[in-house]
N, C-alpha and C. Protein backbone atom coordinates (compact mmCIF):
# COMPACT_ATOMS: atom_id res chain seq x y z
N MET A 1 11.16 72.76 8.41
CA MET A 1 10.49 74.16 8.62
C MET A 1 10.31 74.78 7.29
N LYS A 2 8.86 75.22 7.41
CA LYS A 2 8.28 75.81 6.05
C LYS A 2 9.24 77.04 5.63
N GLN A 3 9.18 77.45 4.51
CA GLN A 3 9.73 78.18 3.96
C GLN A 3 8.92 79.41 3.40
N LYS A 4 9.10 80.63 3.52
CA LYS A 4 8.25 81.88 3.75
C LYS A 4 8.29 82.19 2.23
N THR A 5 7.38 83.11 1.74
CA THR A 5 7.48 83.61 0.14
C THR A 5 7.73 84.57 0.30
N HIS A 6 8.91 85.41 -0.77
CA HIS A 6 9.16 86.48 -0.30
C HIS A 6 7.89 87.49 -0.95
N LYS A 7 7.22 88.42 0.00
CA LYS A 7 5.66 89.18 -0.66
C LYS A 7 6.39 90.38 -1.80
N ALA A 8 7.36 90.90 -1.19
CA ALA A 8 7.72 92.37 -2.29
C ALA A 8 7.76 91.82 -3.95
N LEU A 9 8.73 90.52 -3.76
CA LEU A 9 9.08 90.31 -5.45
C LEU A 9 7.43 89.17 -5.73
N SER A 10 6.50 88.52 -5.00
CA SER A 10 5.69 88.21 -5.62
C SER A 10 4.48 88.98 -5.98
N LYS A 11 4.85 90.44 -5.58
CA LYS A 11 3.53 90.95 -5.94
C LYS A 11 4.20 91.71 -7.14
N ARG A 12 5.55 91.86 -7.37
CA ARG A 12 6.45 92.21 -8.73
C ARG A 12 5.74 91.19 -10.07
N VAL A 13 6.24 89.93 -9.14
CA VAL A 13 6.72 89.05 -10.69
C VAL A 13 5.31 87.77 -10.15
N LYS A 14 5.18 87.71 -11.69
CA LYS A 14 4.53 86.18 -12.45
C LYS A 14 5.31 85.35 -12.68
N ILE A 15 4.99 84.23 -12.47
CA ILE A 15 5.63 82.84 -12.75
C ILE A 15 4.87 82.38 -13.71
N THR A 16 5.26 82.04 -14.86
CA THR A 16 4.19 81.81 -16.02
C THR A 16 4.31 79.66 -15.57
N LYS A 17 3.21 79.43 -16.86
CA LYS A 17 3.27 77.74 -16.75
C LYS A 17 4.48 77.26 -16.95
N THR A 18 5.20 77.75 -17.47
CA THR A 18 6.53 76.97 -18.70
C THR A 18 7.85 77.49 -17.26
N GLY A 19 7.40 78.19 -16.21
CA GLY A 19 8.65 78.70 -15.61
C GLY A 19 9.02 80.31 -16.00
N LYS A 20 8.71 81.08 -16.69
CA LYS A 20 9.25 82.52 -17.18
C LYS A 20 8.44 83.36 -15.98
N ALA A 21 9.46 84.11 -15.76
CA ALA A 21 9.68 85.42 -15.14
C ALA A 21 8.81 86.54 -15.44
N MET A 22 7.48 87.24 -15.69
CA MET A 22 6.88 87.88 -16.05
C MET A 22 6.98 89.12 -15.19
N LYS A 23 7.67 90.41 -15.65
CA LYS A 23 7.00 91.42 -15.05
C LYS A 23 6.77 92.75 -15.59
N ARG A 24 6.30 94.08 -14.81
CA ARG A 24 5.21 94.79 -15.56
C ARG A 24 6.27 96.15 -16.12
N TYR A 25 6.25 96.46 -17.31
CA TYR A 25 6.94 97.11 -18.16
C TYR A 25 7.47 98.68 -17.26
N CYS A 26 8.66 98.85 -16.93
CA CYS A 26 8.70 99.91 -16.81
C CYS A 26 8.39 101.26 -16.71
N GLY A 27 8.43 102.26 -15.86
CA GLY A 27 7.76 103.94 -16.33
C GLY A 27 6.63 103.93 -16.58
N GLN A 28 5.33 103.26 -15.99
CA GLN A 28 3.94 103.44 -16.69
C GLN A 28 3.69 104.94 -16.22
N ASN A 29 4.03 105.20 -14.75
CA ASN A 29 3.24 105.83 -13.84
C ASN A 29 2.78 107.08 -14.67
N HIS A 30 3.99 107.99 -14.93
CA HIS A 30 3.62 109.73 -15.34
C HIS A 30 4.12 109.98 -16.48
N PHE A 31 3.72 111.27 -16.99
CA PHE A 31 5.15 111.82 -18.38
C PHE A 31 5.24 110.72 -19.51
N ASN A 32 4.02 109.72 -19.24
CA ASN A 32 3.81 109.05 -20.59
C ASN A 32 3.15 110.08 -22.10
N THR A 33 3.08 111.18 -22.10
CA THR A 33 2.49 111.97 -23.46
C THR A 33 3.76 112.23 -24.27
N ARG A 34 4.79 112.36 -23.04
CA ARG A 34 6.29 112.73 -24.22
C ARG A 34 6.78 111.53 -24.93
N ASP A 35 6.34 110.15 -24.47
CA ASP A 35 6.77 109.13 -25.01
C ASP A 35 6.49 108.92 -26.33
N PRO A 36 6.83 108.13 -27.39
CA PRO A 36 6.82 108.21 -28.25
C PRO A 36 5.47 107.11 -28.93
N GLY A 37 5.11 106.82 -29.47
CA GLY A 37 4.02 105.52 -30.18
C GLY A 37 4.22 104.21 -29.94
N LYS A 38 5.43 103.89 -30.11
CA LYS A 38 5.91 102.64 -30.23
C LYS A 38 6.20 102.44 -28.82
N ILE A 39 6.99 103.21 -27.84
CA ILE A 39 7.20 103.23 -26.72
C ILE A 39 5.89 102.67 -25.46
N THR A 40 4.66 103.55 -25.89
CA THR A 40 3.59 103.36 -25.51
C THR A 40 2.56 102.12 -25.63
N ARG A 41 2.72 101.89 -26.90
CA ARG A 41 2.25 100.49 -27.36
C ARG A 41 2.82 99.46 -26.27
N LYS A 42 4.79 99.40 -26.51
CA LYS A 42 5.39 98.55 -25.52
C LYS A 42 4.96 98.74 -24.37
N LYS A 43 4.31 99.67 -23.43
CA LYS A 43 4.10 99.39 -22.17
C LYS A 43 2.96 98.96 -21.71
N ARG A 44 1.82 98.68 -22.57
CA ARG A 44 0.69 97.45 -22.57
C ARG A 44 1.04 95.78 -22.16
N ARG A 45 2.14 95.60 -22.40
CA ARG A 45 2.05 94.42 -22.47
C ARG A 45 3.45 94.06 -21.57
N ASP A 46 3.39 92.80 -20.62
CA ASP A 46 4.44 92.73 -19.60
C ASP A 46 5.47 92.08 -20.70
N THR A 47 6.78 92.42 -19.70
CA THR A 47 8.38 91.99 -19.98
C THR A 47 8.52 90.61 -19.05
N GLU A 48 9.17 89.97 -20.26
CA GLU A 48 9.91 88.75 -19.34
C GLU A 48 11.57 88.82 -18.79
N MET A 49 11.50 88.85 -17.74
CA MET A 49 12.75 89.03 -16.70
C MET A 49 13.67 87.96 -17.19
N SER A 50 15.26 88.00 -16.93
CA SER A 50 16.35 87.46 -18.06
C SER A 50 16.45 86.22 -17.28
N GLN A 51 17.21 85.07 -17.77
CA GLN A 51 17.12 83.77 -17.28
C GLN A 51 18.21 83.93 -15.79
N ALA A 52 18.89 85.05 -15.68
CA ALA A 52 20.01 85.11 -15.45
C ALA A 52 19.45 85.08 -13.50
N HIS A 53 18.22 85.24 -13.34
CA HIS A 53 17.57 85.80 -11.69
C HIS A 53 16.84 84.57 -11.28
N HIS A 54 16.75 82.90 -12.53
CA HIS A 54 15.78 82.22 -12.40
C HIS A 54 16.33 81.60 -10.89
N LYS A 55 17.46 81.60 -10.47
CA LYS A 55 17.82 80.77 -9.29
C LYS A 55 17.37 81.64 -8.18
N ALA A 56 17.40 82.99 -8.18
CA ALA A 56 17.26 83.98 -6.65
C ALA A 56 15.56 83.50 -6.93
N PHE A 57 15.19 83.28 -8.04
CA PHE A 57 13.45 83.56 -7.79
C PHE A 57 12.92 81.99 -7.32
N GLU A 58 14.11 80.87 -7.29
CA GLU A 58 13.69 79.92 -6.59
C GLU A 58 13.71 79.55 -5.06
N THR A 59 14.82 80.83 -5.09
CA THR A 59 14.65 80.22 -3.69
C THR A 59 13.64 81.56 -2.42
N LEU A 60 13.92 82.76 -3.51
CA LEU A 60 12.18 83.48 -2.66
C LEU A 60 11.12 83.45 -2.90
N LEU A 61 10.62 82.84 -3.81
CA LEU A 61 9.57 81.95 -4.24
C LEU A 61 8.90 80.17 -4.22
N PRO A 62 9.45 80.10 -3.31
CA PRO A 62 9.53 78.44 -3.29
C PRO A 62 8.24 77.49 -3.36
N TYR A 63 7.25 78.07 -3.44
CA TYR A 63 5.88 77.84 -3.55
C TYR A 63 5.13 78.11 -5.07
N SER A 64 6.01 78.90 -6.29
CA SER A 64 5.62 79.63 -7.11
C SER A 64 5.24 78.18 -8.55
N LYS A 65 5.61 76.80 -8.07
CA LYS A 65 5.35 76.44 -9.30
C LYS A 65 4.25 75.47 -9.44
């Protein structure tokens, strides 16, 4: 039987070619003017998720490779 992709996770996470899981930096929706410039620049790029979740990603995103 074919496995199903977990759609909620697939919308939030992008798996790179090397196998890293990239996610959007949190807190970007509103109240951004009060953040310092360093944080504002940090929010512009995606962040890598920790390898502790790697086993769960293989289960929930079976065809992401």
